Structures are given as C-alpha cells and as structure tokens.
C-alpha cells in the first residue's frame, strides 16, 4: 500500500510538472530550456536583373556602359555572384566575353548556370543577373529579460554573440543553408606531407646558419 501511494504521488508530481511545461506557452528566448539558441542566422537572397539588347552576337559599347553603370548603382562587391541568361536556343560568346571582362573589374566571376526567375528572356536580349546573399541574426542583442533569474532556462540574449559573429564572418552565406560537399580525396596525403618531409630528411642535411660577427669595426 505504501508503494502504491508513493507511485501515485510521483505520478501527481509528474502531471504537475507537465502542466507547468504545458502552461509555459510558446518557447521564447526568455523561457528557452534547451541548449539551442532561438537567435539563428537568417539568410536572405536578392536577385538584380538587367536585360541588355544584343546586336548579333555582341553587345554595343552603349550597352556595356549601361551594364557598368548598373553594377555601380547596385553596389556590386565581394560576395556577389553574376550569371548570364539568354533565350532558349541562343548562345552569344562575344556578349558573354564582354560581360565577363566587366565583371572581372568588380572582382566577380560569371557562374556557369543562371537562377530560374519569372519571365522568359526575349529574343535579341541578354539577361544579366546579379545575386546577393546576406546572413544576419534579427533581434540581437536581446536584453528583454529584466534581470538574471535562477531558473533552468537560458537568458534572452543566449546565442546572440556566437551566431551574429558566424553570420558576419561566413564567406558564403548560402553555406549556412546548403553547406559544402565534403571530399576525402587527397586529404590524408596533404595531412601527412609534413610528417613525410620530416622523416625523409637526413640528419644534418640542412645547411647551417651563416655566421656573423657581432663585434664592431
């Protein structure tokens, strides 16, 4: 009988604790009881589109100047990518070469493919697409919690510093979403190169340091 009473009491405590967790409401940075921060980087992608009129297989000087002015107006810089799209069945090598040269002035490379956008490229046009991806953590810093309370939850600002620094330092923000495909090819060879060089070196084979007098003339 004592055991049954004890189990009943434990069950009642469990229901009470479950009720407290249930009444907690939506998880917020202030009542987060996990080790996962709710302040996560948000990746945003913006596509800028410019249609250039082609003349045969090339672009006129006026269109190239318009492209250069457009790249300046959108603040093209490090981290942006450039793509070229043409009507189905058309390929303009001279126009692509000219666009690639202008893109090189801004430190950009032209991607092999082009993102899928609404609206088709009309015949006689060449579409240039500049893509900019950014990462940021909104709502940081978060000092909404009035003071430090002895609870089992994290603070409202938990994770802000780490994830904000990650979002600011990542070279390609898209890696936060897709990542990079890893490879093990050559990694073992590269890692052991220094060890092989050290072991293959004959003792005393390195040239001695040149001697120099420290006395005055």
C-alpha atoms as a PDB file:
ATOM      1  CA  UNK A   1       0.000   0.000   0.000  1.00  0.00           C
ATOM      2  CA  UNK A   2       2.850   2.319   0.752  1.00  0.00           C
ATOM      3  CA  UNK A   3       4.367   1.650  -2.628  1.00  0.00           C
ATOM      4  CA  UNK A   4       1.111   2.416  -4.414  1.00  0.00           C
ATOM      5  CA  UNK A   5       0.792   5.689  -2.564  1.00  0.00           C
ATOM      6  CA  UNK A   6       4.348   6.626  -3.459  1.00  0.00           C
ATOM      7  CA  UNK A   7       3.778   5.888  -7.141  1.00  0.00           C
ATOM      8  CA  UNK A   8       0.574   7.864  -7.086  1.00  0.00           C
ATOM      9  CA  UNK A   9       2.381  10.794  -5.540  1.00  0.00           C
ATOM     10  CA  UNK A  10       5.131  10.616  -8.166  1.00  0.00           C
ATOM     11  CA  UNK A  11       2.524  10.457 -10.915  1.00  0.00           C
ATOM     12  CA  UNK A  12       0.822  13.521  -9.456  1.00  0.00           C
ATOM     13  CA  UNK A  13       4.136  15.375  -9.397  1.00  0.00           C
ATOM     14  CA  UNK A  14       4.774  14.363 -12.986  1.00  0.00           C
ATOM     15  CA  UNK A  15       1.397  15.668 -14.073  1.00  0.00           C
ATOM     16  CA  UNK A  16       2.044  18.902 -12.210  1.00  0.00           C
ATOM     17  CA  UNK A  17       5.421  19.325 -13.906  1.00  0.00           C
ATOM     18  CA  UNK A  18       3.857  18.517 -17.262  1.00  0.00           C
ATOM     19  CA  UNK A  19       1.171  21.079 -16.581  1.00  0.00           C
ATOM     20  CA  UNK A  20       3.826  23.695 -15.838  1.00  0.00           C
ATOM     21  CA  UNK A  21       5.635  22.898 -19.078  1.00  0.00           C
ATOM     22  CA  UNK A  22       2.366  22.949 -20.986  1.00  0.00           C
ATOM     23  CA  UNK A  23       1.360  26.290 -19.477  1.00  0.00           C
ATOM     24  CA  UNK A  24       4.714  27.736 -20.442  1.00  0.00           C
ATOM     25  CA  UNK A  25       3.280  28.738 -23.797  1.00  0.00           C
ATOM     26  CA  UNK A  26       5.347  29.332 -26.921  1.00  0.00           C
ATOM     27  CA  UNK A  27       9.092  28.957 -26.498  1.00  0.00           C
ATOM     28  CA  UNK A  28      10.789  32.334 -26.407  1.00  0.00           C
ATOM     29  CA  UNK A  29      14.421  33.349 -25.822  1.00  0.00           C
ATOM     30  CA  UNK A  30      13.489  34.139 -22.224  1.00  0.00           C
ATOM     31  CA  UNK A  31      11.934  30.742 -21.365  1.00  0.00           C
ATOM     32  CA  UNK A  32      14.058  28.513 -23.600  1.00  0.00           C
ATOM     33  CA  UNK A  33      15.015  25.421 -21.588  1.00  0.00           C
ATOM     34  CA  UNK A  34      17.183  23.834 -24.283  1.00  0.00           C
ATOM     35  CA  UNK A  35      20.794  24.385 -25.337  1.00  0.00           C
ATOM     36  CA  UNK A  36      19.682  25.514 -28.790  1.00  0.00           C
ATOM     37  CA  UNK A  37      19.555  29.257 -29.233  1.00  0.00           C
ATOM     38  CA  UNK A  38      16.443  30.733 -30.801  1.00  0.00           C
ATOM     39  CA  UNK A  39      18.606  33.500 -32.259  1.00  0.00           C
ATOM     40  CA  UNK A  40      19.619  31.820 -35.513  1.00  0.00           C
ATOM     41  CA  UNK A  41      21.125  33.379 -38.659  1.00  0.00           C
ATOM     42  CA  UNK A  42      18.588  34.228 -41.344  1.00  0.00           C
ATOM     43  CA  UNK A  43      19.830  34.023 -44.938  1.00  0.00           C
ATOM     44  CA  UNK A  44      18.309  36.421 -47.448  1.00  0.00           C
ATOM     45  CA  UNK A  45      18.873  36.329 -51.193  1.00  0.00           C
ATOM     46  CA  UNK A  46      18.236  39.195 -53.604  1.00  0.00           C
ATOM     47  CA  UNK A  47      18.411  38.923 -57.404  1.00  0.00           C
ATOM     48  CA  UNK A  48      19.021  42.048 -59.507  1.00  0.00           C
ATOM     49  CA  UNK A  49      18.112  41.707 -63.189  1.00  0.00           C
ATOM     50  CA  UNK A  50      19.194  43.761 -66.214  1.00  0.00           C
ATOM     51  CA  UNK A  51      18.239  42.971 -69.814  1.00  0.00           C
ATOM     52  CA  UNK A  52      20.725  44.129 -72.438  1.00  0.00           C
ATOM     53  CA  UNK A  53      19.992  44.470 -76.134  1.00  0.00           C
ATOM     54  CA  UNK A  54      22.373  42.412 -78.231  1.00  0.00           C
ATOM     55  CA  UNK A  55      23.486  43.226 -81.743  1.00  0.00           C
ATOM     56  CA  UNK A  56      24.027  39.938 -83.465  1.00  0.00           C
ATOM     57  CA  UNK A  57      26.472  38.045 -81.303  1.00  0.00           C
ATOM     58  CA  UNK A  58      27.813  41.036 -79.372  1.00  0.00           C
ATOM     59  CA  UNK A  59      26.837  43.979 -77.207  1.00  0.00           C
ATOM     60  CA  UNK A  60      27.230  47.557 -78.278  1.00  0.00           C
ATOM     61  CA  UNK A  61      29.512  49.936 -76.383  1.00  0.00           C
ATOM     62  CA  UNK A  62      26.467  51.806 -75.121  1.00  0.00           C
ATOM     63  CA  UNK A  63      25.002  48.619 -73.629  1.00  0.00           C
ATOM     64  CA  UNK A  64      28.311  47.753 -71.996  1.00  0.00           C
ATOM     65  CA  UNK A  65      28.447  51.205 -70.425  1.00  0.00           C
ATOM     66  CA  UNK A  66      24.893  50.712 -69.207  1.00  0.00           C
ATOM     67  CA  UNK A  67      25.940  47.412 -67.629  1.00  0.00           C
ATOM     68  CA  UNK A  68      28.895  49.062 -65.888  1.00  0.00           C
ATOM     69  CA  UNK A  69      26.704  51.884 -64.549  1.00  0.00           C
ATOM     70  CA  UNK A  70      24.127  49.341 -63.353  1.00  0.00           C
ATOM     71  CA  UNK A  71      26.723  47.332 -61.436  1.00  0.00           C
ATOM     72  CA  UNK A  72      27.874  50.528 -59.753  1.00  0.00           C
ATOM     73  CA  UNK A  73      24.330  51.587 -58.872  1.00  0.00           C
ATOM     74  CA  UNK A  74      23.529  48.334 -57.022  1.00  0.00           C
ATOM     75  CA  UNK A  75      26.814  48.473 -55.108  1.00  0.00           C
ATOM     76  CA  UNK A  76      28.309  45.317 -56.535  1.00  0.00           C
ATOM     77  CA  UNK A  77      31.093  43.978 -54.361  1.00  0.00           C
ATOM     78  CA  UNK A  78      32.708  40.987 -52.718  1.00  0.00           C
ATOM     79  CA  UNK A  79      30.358  38.061 -52.204  1.00  0.00           C
ATOM     80  CA  UNK A  80      28.012  38.903 -55.081  1.00  0.00           C
ATOM     81  CA  UNK A  81      27.687  36.490 -57.982  1.00  0.00           C
ATOM     82  CA  UNK A  82      26.860  37.128 -61.625  1.00  0.00           C
ATOM     83  CA  UNK A  83      25.011  34.952 -64.123  1.00  0.00           C
ATOM     84  CA  UNK A  84      24.022  35.307 -67.773  1.00  0.00           C
ATOM     85  CA  UNK A  85      20.760  34.061 -69.254  1.00  0.00           C
ATOM     86  CA  UNK A  86      19.724  34.034 -72.906  1.00  0.00           C
ATOM     87  CA  UNK A  87      16.665  32.978 -74.897  1.00  0.00           C
ATOM     88  CA  UNK A  88      16.258  29.256 -75.386  1.00  0.00           C
ATOM     89  CA  UNK A  89      18.451  28.006 -78.210  1.00  0.00           C
ATOM     90  CA  UNK A  90      20.653  31.137 -78.363  1.00  0.00           C
ATOM     91  CA  UNK A  91      24.274  31.481 -77.284  1.00  0.00           C
ATOM     92  CA  UNK A  92      26.336  34.654 -77.692  1.00  0.00           C
ATOM     93  CA  UNK A  93      30.029  34.002 -76.938  1.00  0.00           C
ATOM     94  CA  UNK A  94      31.152  37.571 -77.709  1.00  0.00           C
ATOM     95  CA  UNK A  95      28.494  39.090 -75.482  1.00  0.00           C
ATOM     96  CA  UNK A  96      29.405  36.709 -72.665  1.00  0.00           C
ATOM     97  CA  UNK A  97      33.103  37.539 -73.010  1.00  0.00           C
ATOM     98  CA  UNK A  98      32.370  41.264 -72.808  1.00  0.00           C
ATOM     99  CA  UNK A  99      30.188  40.811 -69.704  1.00  0.00           C
ATOM    100  CA  UNK A 100      32.864  38.618 -68.112  1.00  0.00           C
ATOM    101  CA  UNK A 101      35.516  41.307 -68.635  1.00  0.00           C
ATOM    102  CA  UNK A 102      33.363  43.961 -66.978  1.00  0.00           C
ATOM    103  CA  UNK A 103      32.510  41.598 -64.119  1.00  0.00           C
ATOM    104  CA  UNK A 104      36.239  40.996 -63.558  1.00  0.00           C
ATOM    105  CA  UNK A 105      36.675  44.717 -62.849  1.00  0.00           C
ATOM    106  CA  UNK A 106      34.417  44.224 -59.823  1.00  0.00           C
ATOM    107  CA  UNK A 107      36.180  41.054 -58.682  1.00  0.00           C
ATOM    108  CA  UNK A 108      33.306  38.848 -59.816  1.00  0.00           C
ATOM    109  CA  UNK A 109      33.179  35.629 -61.803  1.00  0.00           C
ATOM    110  CA  UNK A 110      30.337  34.606 -64.082  1.00  0.00           C
ATOM    111  CA  UNK A 111      28.597  31.441 -62.913  1.00  0.00           C
ATOM    112  CA  UNK A 112      28.079  28.522 -65.262  1.00  0.00           C
ATOM    113  CA  UNK A 113      24.307  28.488 -64.877  1.00  0.00           C
ATOM    114  CA  UNK A 114      21.624  31.054 -64.153  1.00  0.00           C
ATOM    115  CA  UNK A 115      18.923  31.110 -61.435  1.00  0.00           C
ATOM    116  CA  UNK A 116      15.372  30.394 -62.530  1.00  0.00           C
ATOM    117  CA  UNK A 117      13.353  33.616 -62.499  1.00  0.00           C
ATOM    118  CA  UNK A 118       9.886  34.579 -63.625  1.00  0.00           C
ATOM    119  CA  UNK A 119       9.636  35.809 -67.188  1.00  0.00           C
ATOM    120  CA  UNK A 120      11.488  34.500 -70.223  1.00  0.00           C
ATOM    121  CA  UNK A 121      14.352  36.282 -71.931  1.00  0.00           C
ATOM    122  CA  UNK A 122      13.108  37.770 -75.171  1.00  0.00           C
ATOM    123  CA  UNK A 123      14.956  37.151 -78.463  1.00  0.00           C
ATOM    124  CA  UNK A 124      17.654  39.725 -79.131  1.00  0.00           C
ATOM    125  CA  UNK A 125      18.252  40.273 -75.407  1.00  0.00           C
ATOM    126  CA  UNK A 126      20.874  39.076 -72.960  1.00  0.00           C
ATOM    127  CA  UNK A 127      19.897  38.976 -69.290  1.00  0.00           C
ATOM    128  CA  UNK A 128      22.437  39.687 -66.569  1.00  0.00           C
ATOM    129  CA  UNK A 129      21.537  38.504 -63.061  1.00  0.00           C
ATOM    130  CA  UNK A 130      23.452  39.737 -60.015  1.00  0.00           C
ATOM    131  CA  UNK A 131      22.749  37.717 -56.877  1.00  0.00           C
ATOM    132  CA  UNK A 132      23.459  38.990 -53.371  1.00  0.00           C
ATOM    133  CA  UNK A 133      23.126  36.751 -50.331  1.00  0.00           C
ATOM    134  CA  UNK A 134      23.347  38.076 -46.780  1.00  0.00           C
ATOM    135  CA  UNK A 135      23.104  36.499 -43.350  1.00  0.00           C
ATOM    136  CA  UNK A 136      22.068  38.229 -40.148  1.00  0.00           C
ATOM    137  CA  UNK A 137      20.524  37.495 -36.761  1.00  0.00           C
ATOM    138  CA  UNK A 138      17.482  39.621 -36.094  1.00  0.00           C
ATOM    139  CA  UNK A 139      16.558  40.800 -32.619  1.00  0.00           C
ATOM    140  CA  UNK A 140      20.113  40.800 -31.274  1.00  0.00           C
ATOM    141  CA  UNK A 141      21.237  41.829 -28.771  1.00  0.00           C
ATOM    142  CA  UNK A 142      18.185  40.832 -26.764  1.00  0.00           C
ATOM    143  CA  UNK A 143      18.125  42.212 -23.229  1.00  0.00           C
ATOM    144  CA  UNK A 144      14.362  41.854 -22.847  1.00  0.00           C
ATOM    145  CA  UNK A 145      14.808  39.727 -19.733  1.00  0.00           C
ATOM    146  CA  UNK A 146      14.719  42.223 -16.854  1.00  0.00           C
ATOM    147  CA  UNK A 147      17.369  40.531 -14.727  1.00  0.00           C
ATOM    148  CA  UNK A 148      19.107  37.238 -14.113  1.00  0.00           C
ATOM    149  CA  UNK A 149      16.687  34.817 -12.504  1.00  0.00           C
ATOM    150  CA  UNK A 150      17.726  31.455 -11.063  1.00  0.00           C
ATOM    151  CA  UNK A 151      15.742  29.301 -13.496  1.00  0.00           C
ATOM    152  CA  UNK A 152      16.508  26.333 -15.712  1.00  0.00           C
ATOM    153  CA  UNK A 153      16.084  28.381 -18.883  1.00  0.00           C
ATOM    154  CA  UNK A 154      18.673  30.269 -20.895  1.00  0.00           C
ATOM    155  CA  UNK A 155      18.845  34.048 -20.941  1.00  0.00           C
ATOM    156  CA  UNK A 156      17.111  36.125 -23.591  1.00  0.00           C
ATOM    157  CA  UNK A 157      20.467  37.064 -25.158  1.00  0.00           C
ATOM    158  CA  UNK A 158      21.708  33.459 -25.310  1.00  0.00           C
ATOM    159  CA  UNK A 159      23.374  32.697 -28.658  1.00  0.00           C
ATOM    160  CA  UNK A 160      23.343  36.265 -29.970  1.00  0.00           C
ATOM    161  CA  UNK A 161      27.110  36.790 -29.941  1.00  0.00           C
ATOM    162  CA  UNK A 162      28.086  33.413 -31.407  1.00  0.00           C
ATOM    163  CA  UNK A 163      25.510  33.319 -34.187  1.00  0.00           C
ATOM    164  CA  UNK A 164      25.884  37.011 -35.073  1.00  0.00           C
ATOM    165  CA  UNK A 165      29.647  36.532 -35.471  1.00  0.00           C
ATOM    166  CA  UNK A 166      29.045  33.408 -37.563  1.00  0.00           C
ATOM    167  CA  UNK A 167      26.662  35.286 -39.842  1.00  0.00           C
ATOM    168  CA  UNK A 168      29.129  38.166 -40.199  1.00  0.00           C
ATOM    169  CA  UNK A 169      32.209  36.021 -40.927  1.00  0.00           C
ATOM    170  CA  UNK A 170      30.886  33.270 -43.197  1.00  0.00           C
ATOM    171  CA  UNK A 171      32.367  33.739 -46.671  1.00  0.00           C
ATOM    172  CA  UNK A 172      29.305  32.431 -48.495  1.00  0.00           C
ATOM    173  CA  UNK A 173      26.042  32.871 -46.549  1.00  0.00           C
ATOM    174  CA  UNK A 174      24.417  30.165 -48.677  1.00  0.00           C
ATOM    175  CA  UNK A 175      26.666  27.652 -46.913  1.00  0.00           C
ATOM    176  CA  UNK A 176      24.517  28.168 -43.808  1.00  0.00           C
ATOM    177  CA  UNK A 177      21.626  26.670 -45.777  1.00  0.00           C
ATOM    178  CA  UNK A 178      23.180  24.187 -48.213  1.00  0.00           C
ATOM    179  CA  UNK A 179      26.693  23.650 -46.873  1.00  0.00           C
ATOM    180  CA  UNK A 180      29.552  22.360 -48.993  1.00  0.00           C
ATOM    181  CA  UNK A 181      30.071  18.867 -50.299  1.00  0.00           C
ATOM    182  CA  UNK A 182      32.996  17.354 -48.458  1.00  0.00           C
ATOM    183  CA  UNK A 183      35.686  15.192 -50.002  1.00  0.00           C
ATOM    184  CA  UNK A 184      38.347  12.905 -48.640  1.00  0.00           C
ATOM    185  CA  UNK A 185      40.389  12.799 -51.837  1.00  0.00           C
ATOM    186  CA  UNK A 186      43.946  13.817 -51.077  1.00  0.00           C
ATOM    187  CA  UNK A 187      43.186  14.905 -47.532  1.00  0.00           C
ATOM    188  CA  UNK A 188      45.309  12.143 -45.997  1.00  0.00           C
ATOM    189  CA  UNK A 189      48.160  12.885 -48.367  1.00  0.00           C
ATOM    190  CA  UNK A 190      48.074  16.572 -47.523  1.00  0.00           C
ATOM    191  CA  UNK A 191      47.885  15.943 -43.792  1.00  0.00           C
ATOM    192  CA  UNK A 192      50.888  13.582 -43.786  1.00  0.00           C
ATOM    193  CA  UNK A 193      53.095  15.655 -46.096  1.00  0.00           C
ATOM    194  CA  UNK A 194      54.863  17.452 -43.271  1.00  0.00           C
ATOM    195  CA  UNK A 195      55.480  14.172 -41.437  1.00  0.00           C
ATOM    196  CA  UNK A 196      56.934  12.528 -44.556  1.00  0.00           C
ATOM    197  CA  UNK A 197      59.202  15.519 -45.148  1.00  0.00           C
ATOM    198  CA  UNK A 198      60.446  15.406 -41.567  1.00  0.00           C
ATOM    199  CA  UNK A 199      61.130  11.660 -41.667  1.00  0.00           C
ATOM    200  CA  UNK A 200      62.814  11.698 -45.090  1.00  0.00           C
ATOM    201  CA  UNK A 201      65.182  14.477 -44.138  1.00  0.00           C
ATOM    202  CA  UNK A 202      68.677  13.253 -43.385  1.00  0.00           C
ATOM    203  CA  UNK A 203      70.181  14.395 -40.070  1.00  0.00           C
ATOM    204  CA  UNK A 204      72.499  17.303 -40.609  1.00  0.00           C
ATOM    205  CA  UNK A 205      71.491  17.674 -44.243  1.00  0.00           C
ATOM    206  CA  UNK A 206      70.106  21.151 -43.771  1.00  0.00           C
ATOM    207  CA  UNK A 207      72.602  23.949 -44.405  1.00  0.00           C
ATOM    208  CA  UNK A 208      73.954  25.554 -41.288  1.00  0.00           C
ATOM    209  CA  UNK A 209      73.111  29.123 -40.440  1.00  0.00           C
ATOM    210  CA  UNK A 210      75.605  31.698 -41.695  1.00  0.00           C
ATOM    211  CA  UNK A 211      77.995  33.022 -39.088  1.00  0.00           C
ATOM    212  CA  UNK A 212      78.275  36.725 -38.468  1.00  0.00           C
ATOM    213  CA  UNK A 213      80.408  38.759 -36.133  1.00  0.00           C
ATOM    214  CA  UNK A 214      78.661  40.867 -33.541  1.00  0.00           C
ATOM    215  CA  UNK A 215      81.753  42.938 -32.805  1.00  0.00           C
ATOM    216  CA  UNK A 216      82.157  46.476 -34.010  1.00  0.00           C
ATOM    217  CA  UNK A 217      84.517  47.541 -36.757  1.00  0.00           C
END
